[in-house]
């Protein structure tokens, strides 16, 4: 897809959102089931069934997916798609590229070993390695716009309001 095709595809969608902002509000949903077998949760991804379990650092077998890894994978996927889309829109030819996300966790918090240790990622690093002949000013713009429009990055960075509830089935 080139920049003109991307604009043509997105133009009517953008116009609809401008004229009727309510149509732009969509609720995404993720679901999972807690099974009796092991300490795991089966997550429906829309394409396949993913089984998430404990990370080996918390006693897991390593056979199930770690939800922390899944969070980083979602960040990589979203950032990669956003980078490619922005590069296409501003006409930066990418010969190749890699997206790498790393996150630092101190599992003492998760396991309740140290009440002062926070639960969750202490730091996340997102890096793009790209092969291109584009000038640095265009690459600076590419990074700026990728950060601005990446849904998962912005969600992690800005911390949305989250509600939690528990109810009987």
Protein backbone atom coordinates (compact mmCIF):
# COMPACT_ATOMS: atom_id res chain seq x y z
CA UNK A 1 0.00 0.00 0.00
CA UNK A 2 1.27 3.47 -0.83
CA UNK A 3 0.45 6.83 0.77
CA UNK A 4 -2.32 7.64 -1.72
CA UNK A 5 -4.04 4.29 -1.17
CA UNK A 6 -3.79 4.67 2.59
CA UNK A 7 -5.29 8.17 2.44
CA UNK A 8 -8.08 6.96 0.13
CA UNK A 9 -8.92 4.09 2.44
CA UNK A 10 -8.90 6.23 5.59
CA UNK A 11 -10.55 9.39 4.19
CA UNK A 12 -14.19 8.23 4.39
CA UNK A 13 -13.61 6.75 7.84
CA UNK A 14 -12.09 10.01 9.10
CA UNK A 15 -14.94 12.00 7.57
CA UNK A 16 -17.56 9.78 9.24
CA UNK A 17 -15.81 10.23 12.61
CA UNK A 18 -15.74 14.00 12.13
CA UNK A 19 -19.40 14.22 11.18
CA UNK A 20 -20.59 11.68 13.75
CA UNK A 21 -18.05 11.39 16.60
CA UNK A 22 -20.10 8.70 18.35
CA UNK A 23 -19.29 6.24 15.54
CA UNK A 24 -15.61 6.44 16.47
CA UNK A 25 -16.21 5.07 19.97
CA UNK A 26 -15.78 1.31 19.86
CA UNK A 27 -15.42 -1.02 22.82
CA UNK A 28 -12.81 -3.71 22.35
CA UNK A 29 -13.19 -6.80 24.47
CA UNK A 30 -10.96 -9.61 25.62
CA UNK A 31 -12.32 -12.71 27.29
CA UNK A 32 -10.86 -15.72 28.97
CA UNK A 33 -11.91 -18.75 30.95
CA UNK A 34 -10.41 -20.08 34.15
CA UNK A 35 -10.10 -23.81 33.91
CA UNK A 36 -9.67 -26.37 36.68
CA UNK A 37 -6.45 -27.67 35.13
CA UNK A 38 -3.40 -25.96 36.59
CA UNK A 39 -3.06 -22.27 37.27
CA UNK A 40 -3.97 -20.91 33.85
CA UNK A 41 -6.45 -18.75 31.97
CA UNK A 42 -7.52 -19.48 28.39
CA UNK A 43 -7.71 -16.23 26.44
CA UNK A 44 -9.67 -15.89 23.23
CA UNK A 45 -7.53 -13.78 20.92
CA UNK A 46 -9.95 -13.60 18.02
CA UNK A 47 -7.67 -15.81 15.94
CA UNK A 48 -6.76 -18.61 18.30
CA UNK A 49 -6.91 -19.65 21.91
CA UNK A 50 -4.00 -18.53 24.08
CA UNK A 51 -3.38 -20.05 27.47
CA UNK A 52 -1.80 -17.68 29.97
CA UNK A 53 -0.20 -18.95 33.13
CA UNK A 54 2.33 -18.13 35.78
CA UNK A 55 5.76 -16.94 34.71
CA UNK A 56 8.51 -19.38 35.73
CA UNK A 57 9.83 -16.69 38.11
CA UNK A 58 6.57 -17.07 40.06
CA UNK A 59 6.34 -20.86 39.93
CA UNK A 60 4.94 -21.42 36.45
CA UNK A 61 6.01 -24.22 34.15
CA UNK A 62 6.87 -21.94 31.25
CA UNK A 63 4.45 -23.88 29.03
CA UNK A 64 1.76 -21.19 29.18
CA UNK A 65 2.08 -17.63 27.95
CA UNK A 66 3.12 -15.01 30.49
CA UNK A 67 0.69 -12.09 30.54
CA UNK A 68 3.63 -9.68 30.92
CA UNK A 69 5.10 -11.07 27.70
CA UNK A 70 1.70 -10.71 26.08
CA UNK A 71 1.55 -7.05 27.10
CA UNK A 72 4.96 -6.44 25.50
CA UNK A 73 3.90 -8.41 22.43
CA UNK A 74 0.78 -6.24 22.10
CA UNK A 75 2.99 -3.15 22.34
CA UNK A 76 5.35 -4.48 19.66
CA UNK A 77 2.46 -5.41 17.38
CA UNK A 78 0.70 -2.07 17.73
CA UNK A 79 3.90 -0.03 17.47
CA UNK A 80 5.03 -1.99 14.42
CA UNK A 81 1.74 -1.53 12.59
CA UNK A 82 1.65 2.16 13.54
CA UNK A 83 5.25 2.74 12.43
CA UNK A 84 4.59 1.06 9.07
CA UNK A 85 1.37 3.00 8.58
CA UNK A 86 2.99 6.34 9.43
CA UNK A 87 6.03 5.56 7.24
CA UNK A 88 3.66 4.84 4.37
CA UNK A 89 1.65 8.02 4.98
CA UNK A 90 4.71 10.31 5.08
CA UNK A 91 6.44 8.40 2.30
CA UNK A 92 9.44 7.00 4.13
CA UNK A 93 10.59 3.85 2.35
CA UNK A 94 11.51 1.16 4.87
CA UNK A 95 13.68 -1.63 3.50
CA UNK A 96 13.50 -3.58 6.77
CA UNK A 97 12.74 -3.04 10.41
CA UNK A 98 12.49 -4.56 13.84
CA UNK A 99 10.47 -3.55 16.88
CA UNK A 100 11.80 -4.53 20.29
CA UNK A 101 10.06 -4.06 23.64
CA UNK A 102 11.68 -4.88 26.96
CA UNK A 103 10.18 -4.54 30.40
CA UNK A 104 11.75 -4.75 33.84
CA UNK A 105 9.84 -6.55 36.60
CA UNK A 106 10.81 -7.22 40.19
CA UNK A 107 8.87 -10.36 41.04
CA UNK A 108 9.23 -9.72 44.78
CA UNK A 109 6.25 -7.39 44.43
CA UNK A 110 4.11 -9.90 42.55
CA UNK A 111 4.84 -12.64 45.06
CA UNK A 112 4.36 -10.40 48.10
CA UNK A 113 7.92 -11.04 49.29
CA UNK A 114 8.54 -7.33 49.81
CA UNK A 115 5.51 -5.09 50.38
CA UNK A 116 7.55 -2.02 49.32
CA UNK A 117 8.36 -3.47 45.90
CA UNK A 118 5.82 -2.33 43.30
CA UNK A 119 3.78 -4.89 41.38
CA UNK A 120 4.13 -4.50 37.63
CA UNK A 121 6.67 -3.23 35.17
CA UNK A 122 9.10 -0.72 36.62
CA UNK A 123 10.29 0.33 33.17
CA UNK A 124 9.45 -0.46 29.56
CA UNK A 125 11.74 0.29 26.65
CA UNK A 126 10.49 0.35 23.05
CA UNK A 127 13.02 0.47 20.22
CA UNK A 128 12.73 0.56 16.46
CA UNK A 129 15.62 -0.56 14.26
CA UNK A 130 14.94 0.51 10.69
CA UNK A 131 16.81 0.21 7.43
CA UNK A 132 16.07 3.25 5.30
CA UNK A 133 17.76 6.01 3.34
CA UNK A 134 15.40 8.64 4.75
CA UNK A 135 17.02 11.74 6.28
CA UNK A 136 17.12 12.10 10.07
CA UNK A 137 14.46 14.82 10.19
CA UNK A 138 11.99 12.44 8.51
CA UNK A 139 12.94 9.67 10.96
CA UNK A 140 12.41 12.06 13.88
CA UNK A 141 8.93 12.80 12.52
CA UNK A 142 8.28 9.08 12.02
CA UNK A 143 9.10 8.37 15.68
CA UNK A 144 7.07 11.33 16.93
CA UNK A 145 3.98 10.32 14.96
CA UNK A 146 4.35 6.64 15.82
CA UNK A 147 4.41 7.52 19.52
CA UNK A 148 1.42 9.81 19.08
CA UNK A 149 -0.78 7.32 17.25
CA UNK A 150 0.16 3.95 18.79
CA UNK A 151 -2.85 2.91 20.89
CA UNK A 152 -1.04 0.45 23.15
CA UNK A 153 1.90 2.80 23.75
CA UNK A 154 -0.38 5.70 24.63
CA UNK A 155 -2.49 3.47 26.89
CA UNK A 156 0.57 2.29 28.81
CA UNK A 157 2.08 5.77 28.94
CA UNK A 158 -1.04 7.59 30.08
CA UNK A 159 -2.68 4.97 32.29
CA UNK A 160 -6.42 5.02 31.58
CA UNK A 161 -9.10 4.90 34.25
CA UNK A 162 -9.63 1.21 35.08
CA UNK A 163 -12.52 -0.33 36.99
CA UNK A 164 -12.49 -3.81 38.50
CA UNK A 165 -15.43 -5.83 39.77
CA UNK A 166 -16.16 -9.35 40.95
CA UNK A 167 -19.52 -11.04 40.67
CA UNK A 168 -21.01 -14.48 40.96
CA UNK A 169 -21.86 -16.39 37.80
